[in-house]
């Protein structure tokens, strides 16, 4: 597959996180918890590294508002 098991798991978590950010208005902290991160800060750092934007920016690009 060309990935370590941890890389595969993290990629799958990010796919699910993108879906939740795009199609729900759940808080980012709730999305982080649902995809297996213990805190939103760690989730946000990993999301930005793997996806190129912060979870908030990703959500804004998708046209989702939480206010």
N, C-alpha and C. Protein backbone atom coordinates (compact mmCIF):
# COMPACT_ATOMS: atom_id res chain seq x y z
N UNK A 1 0.83 -1.19 0.00
CA UNK A 1 0.00 0.00 0.00
C UNK A 1 0.88 1.25 0.00
N UNK A 2 2.11 1.14 0.48
CA UNK A 2 3.01 2.27 0.46
C UNK A 2 2.88 3.19 1.67
N UNK A 3 2.14 2.76 2.67
CA UNK A 3 1.95 3.55 3.89
C UNK A 3 2.13 2.64 5.10
N UNK A 4 2.55 3.28 6.18
CA UNK A 4 2.56 2.53 7.43
C UNK A 4 1.12 2.43 7.92
N UNK A 5 0.84 1.50 8.82
CA UNK A 5 -0.52 1.41 9.36
C UNK A 5 -0.98 2.73 10.00
N UNK A 6 -0.07 3.45 10.66
CA UNK A 6 -0.44 4.71 11.29
C UNK A 6 -0.76 5.78 10.24
N UNK A 7 0.00 5.82 9.16
CA UNK A 7 -0.29 6.77 8.09
C UNK A 7 -1.64 6.48 7.45
N UNK A 8 -1.93 5.20 7.25
CA UNK A 8 -3.22 4.81 6.68
C UNK A 8 -4.36 5.23 7.61
N UNK A 9 -4.21 4.95 8.89
CA UNK A 9 -5.25 5.31 9.86
C UNK A 9 -5.47 6.82 9.89
N UNK A 10 -4.39 7.58 9.90
CA UNK A 10 -4.53 9.04 9.94
C UNK A 10 -5.17 9.56 8.66
N UNK A 11 -4.84 9.00 7.53
CA UNK A 11 -5.46 9.42 6.27
C UNK A 11 -6.97 9.13 6.29
N UNK A 12 -7.35 7.98 6.81
CA UNK A 12 -8.77 7.65 6.92
C UNK A 12 -9.49 8.59 7.89
N UNK A 13 -8.83 8.94 8.98
CA UNK A 13 -9.42 9.89 9.92
C UNK A 13 -9.64 11.24 9.27
N UNK A 14 -8.69 11.67 8.44
CA UNK A 14 -8.81 12.97 7.79
C UNK A 14 -9.91 12.96 6.72
N UNK A 15 -10.09 11.84 6.06
CA UNK A 15 -11.20 11.74 5.11
C UNK A 15 -12.52 11.93 5.84
N UNK A 16 -12.67 11.25 6.95
CA UNK A 16 -13.90 11.38 7.76
C UNK A 16 -14.03 12.80 8.31
N UNK A 17 -12.93 13.38 8.76
CA UNK A 17 -12.97 14.74 9.31
C UNK A 17 -13.42 15.73 8.23
N UNK A 18 -12.91 15.60 7.03
CA UNK A 18 -13.33 16.49 5.93
C UNK A 18 -14.82 16.36 5.66
N UNK A 19 -15.32 15.13 5.69
CA UNK A 19 -16.76 14.93 5.49
C UNK A 19 -17.57 15.62 6.58
N UNK A 20 -17.16 15.45 7.83
CA UNK A 20 -17.88 16.06 8.94
C UNK A 20 -17.81 17.58 8.88
N UNK A 21 -16.65 18.12 8.54
CA UNK A 21 -16.51 19.56 8.44
C UNK A 21 -17.33 20.14 7.30
N UNK A 22 -17.42 19.40 6.22
CA UNK A 22 -18.12 19.88 5.03
C UNK A 22 -19.63 19.76 5.14
N UNK A 23 -20.10 18.72 5.79
CA UNK A 23 -21.54 18.43 5.75
C UNK A 23 -22.27 18.59 7.09
N UNK A 24 -21.56 19.00 8.14
CA UNK A 24 -22.22 19.23 9.43
C UNK A 24 -21.76 20.57 9.99
N UNK A 25 -22.44 20.99 11.03
CA UNK A 25 -22.03 22.22 11.73
C UNK A 25 -21.49 21.88 13.12
N UNK A 26 -21.08 20.65 13.31
CA UNK A 26 -20.51 20.26 14.61
C UNK A 26 -19.28 21.09 14.90
N UNK A 27 -19.05 21.43 16.15
CA UNK A 27 -17.83 22.16 16.50
C UNK A 27 -16.58 21.35 16.12
N UNK A 28 -15.51 22.06 15.83
CA UNK A 28 -14.26 21.40 15.44
C UNK A 28 -13.79 20.46 16.54
N UNK A 29 -13.98 20.84 17.77
CA UNK A 29 -13.56 19.96 18.88
C UNK A 29 -14.35 18.64 18.85
N UNK A 30 -15.62 18.70 18.49
CA UNK A 30 -16.43 17.48 18.40
C UNK A 30 -15.98 16.62 17.22
N UNK A 31 -15.65 17.25 16.11
CA UNK A 31 -15.14 16.51 14.95
C UNK A 31 -13.82 15.83 15.33
N UNK A 32 -12.96 16.56 16.02
CA UNK A 32 -11.68 15.99 16.44
C UNK A 32 -11.88 14.74 17.29
N UNK A 33 -12.77 14.83 18.25
CA UNK A 33 -13.05 13.69 19.13
C UNK A 33 -13.64 12.52 18.34
N UNK A 34 -14.55 12.83 17.44
CA UNK A 34 -15.21 11.76 16.68
C UNK A 34 -14.25 10.99 15.78
N UNK A 35 -13.23 11.67 15.26
CA UNK A 35 -12.28 10.97 14.38
C UNK A 35 -11.07 10.43 15.12
N UNK A 36 -11.07 10.53 16.48
CA UNK A 36 -10.07 9.83 17.25
C UNK A 36 -8.94 10.66 17.83
N UNK A 37 -9.07 11.97 17.82
CA UNK A 37 -8.05 12.82 18.44
C UNK A 37 -8.50 13.20 19.84
N UNK A 38 -7.55 13.26 20.75
CA UNK A 38 -7.89 13.58 22.14
C UNK A 38 -8.13 15.06 22.36
N UNK A 39 -7.54 15.92 21.50
CA UNK A 39 -7.81 17.34 21.65
C UNK A 39 -7.83 18.04 20.30
N UNK A 40 -8.52 19.16 20.26
CA UNK A 40 -8.73 19.89 19.01
C UNK A 40 -7.45 20.54 18.49
N UNK A 41 -6.55 20.90 19.38
CA UNK A 41 -5.30 21.55 18.94
C UNK A 41 -4.46 20.57 18.13
N UNK A 42 -4.28 19.37 18.65
CA UNK A 42 -3.50 18.35 17.91
C UNK A 42 -4.18 18.03 16.58
N UNK A 43 -5.50 17.89 16.61
CA UNK A 43 -6.25 17.64 15.39
C UNK A 43 -6.02 18.76 14.38
N UNK A 44 -6.13 20.00 14.82
CA UNK A 44 -5.97 21.14 13.90
C UNK A 44 -4.57 21.17 13.29
N UNK A 45 -3.55 20.87 14.09
CA UNK A 45 -2.18 20.85 13.56
C UNK A 45 -2.01 19.77 12.50
N UNK A 46 -2.50 18.58 12.79
CA UNK A 46 -2.38 17.47 11.82
C UNK A 46 -3.23 17.72 10.58
N UNK A 47 -4.43 18.27 10.77
CA UNK A 47 -5.30 18.56 9.64
C UNK A 47 -4.62 19.55 8.70
N UNK A 48 -4.05 20.62 9.28
CA UNK A 48 -3.38 21.63 8.47
C UNK A 48 -2.19 21.03 7.71
N UNK A 49 -1.43 20.18 8.38
CA UNK A 49 -0.26 19.58 7.74
C UNK A 49 -0.67 18.67 6.58
N UNK A 50 -1.71 17.90 6.77
CA UNK A 50 -2.11 16.92 5.75
C UNK A 50 -3.02 17.49 4.68
N UNK A 51 -3.81 18.52 5.01
CA UNK A 51 -4.79 19.05 4.07
C UNK A 51 -4.43 20.42 3.52
N UNK A 52 -3.44 21.07 4.13
CA UNK A 52 -2.98 22.34 3.61
C UNK A 52 -3.69 23.57 4.14
N UNK A 53 -4.79 23.39 4.85
CA UNK A 53 -5.53 24.49 5.46
C UNK A 53 -6.01 24.05 6.83
N UNK A 54 -6.36 25.02 7.65
CA UNK A 54 -6.90 24.69 8.97
C UNK A 54 -8.31 24.13 8.82
N UNK A 55 -8.81 23.42 9.83
CA UNK A 55 -10.19 22.93 9.76
C UNK A 55 -11.19 24.07 9.55
N UNK A 56 -10.98 25.20 10.21
CA UNK A 56 -11.88 26.34 10.06
C UNK A 56 -11.86 26.87 8.63
N UNK A 57 -10.66 27.02 8.05
CA UNK A 57 -10.55 27.49 6.67
C UNK A 57 -11.18 26.50 5.70
N UNK A 58 -10.98 25.22 5.95
CA UNK A 58 -11.59 24.19 5.10
C UNK A 58 -13.11 24.34 5.12
N UNK A 59 -13.65 24.52 6.30
CA UNK A 59 -15.10 24.66 6.46
C UNK A 59 -15.59 25.93 5.75
N UNK A 60 -14.87 27.01 5.88
CA UNK A 60 -15.25 28.25 5.21
C UNK A 60 -15.23 28.09 3.70
N UNK A 61 -14.22 27.39 3.18
CA UNK A 61 -14.14 27.15 1.73
C UNK A 61 -15.33 26.32 1.26
N UNK A 62 -15.84 25.47 2.14
CA UNK A 62 -16.98 24.62 1.79
C UNK A 62 -18.29 25.40 1.91
N UNK A 63 -18.22 26.62 2.46
CA UNK A 63 -19.41 27.44 2.58
C UNK A 63 -20.25 27.11 3.80
N UNK A 64 -19.66 26.45 4.79
CA UNK A 64 -20.38 26.08 6.01
C UNK A 64 -20.12 27.15 7.07
N UNK A 65 -21.17 27.65 7.68
CA UNK A 65 -21.01 28.59 8.78
C UNK A 65 -21.58 27.94 10.04
N UNK A 66 -20.95 28.22 11.15
CA UNK A 66 -21.40 27.61 12.40
C UNK A 66 -22.01 28.64 13.31
N UNK A 67 -22.22 29.84 12.83
CA UNK A 67 -22.78 30.91 13.66
C UNK A 67 -24.27 31.02 13.47
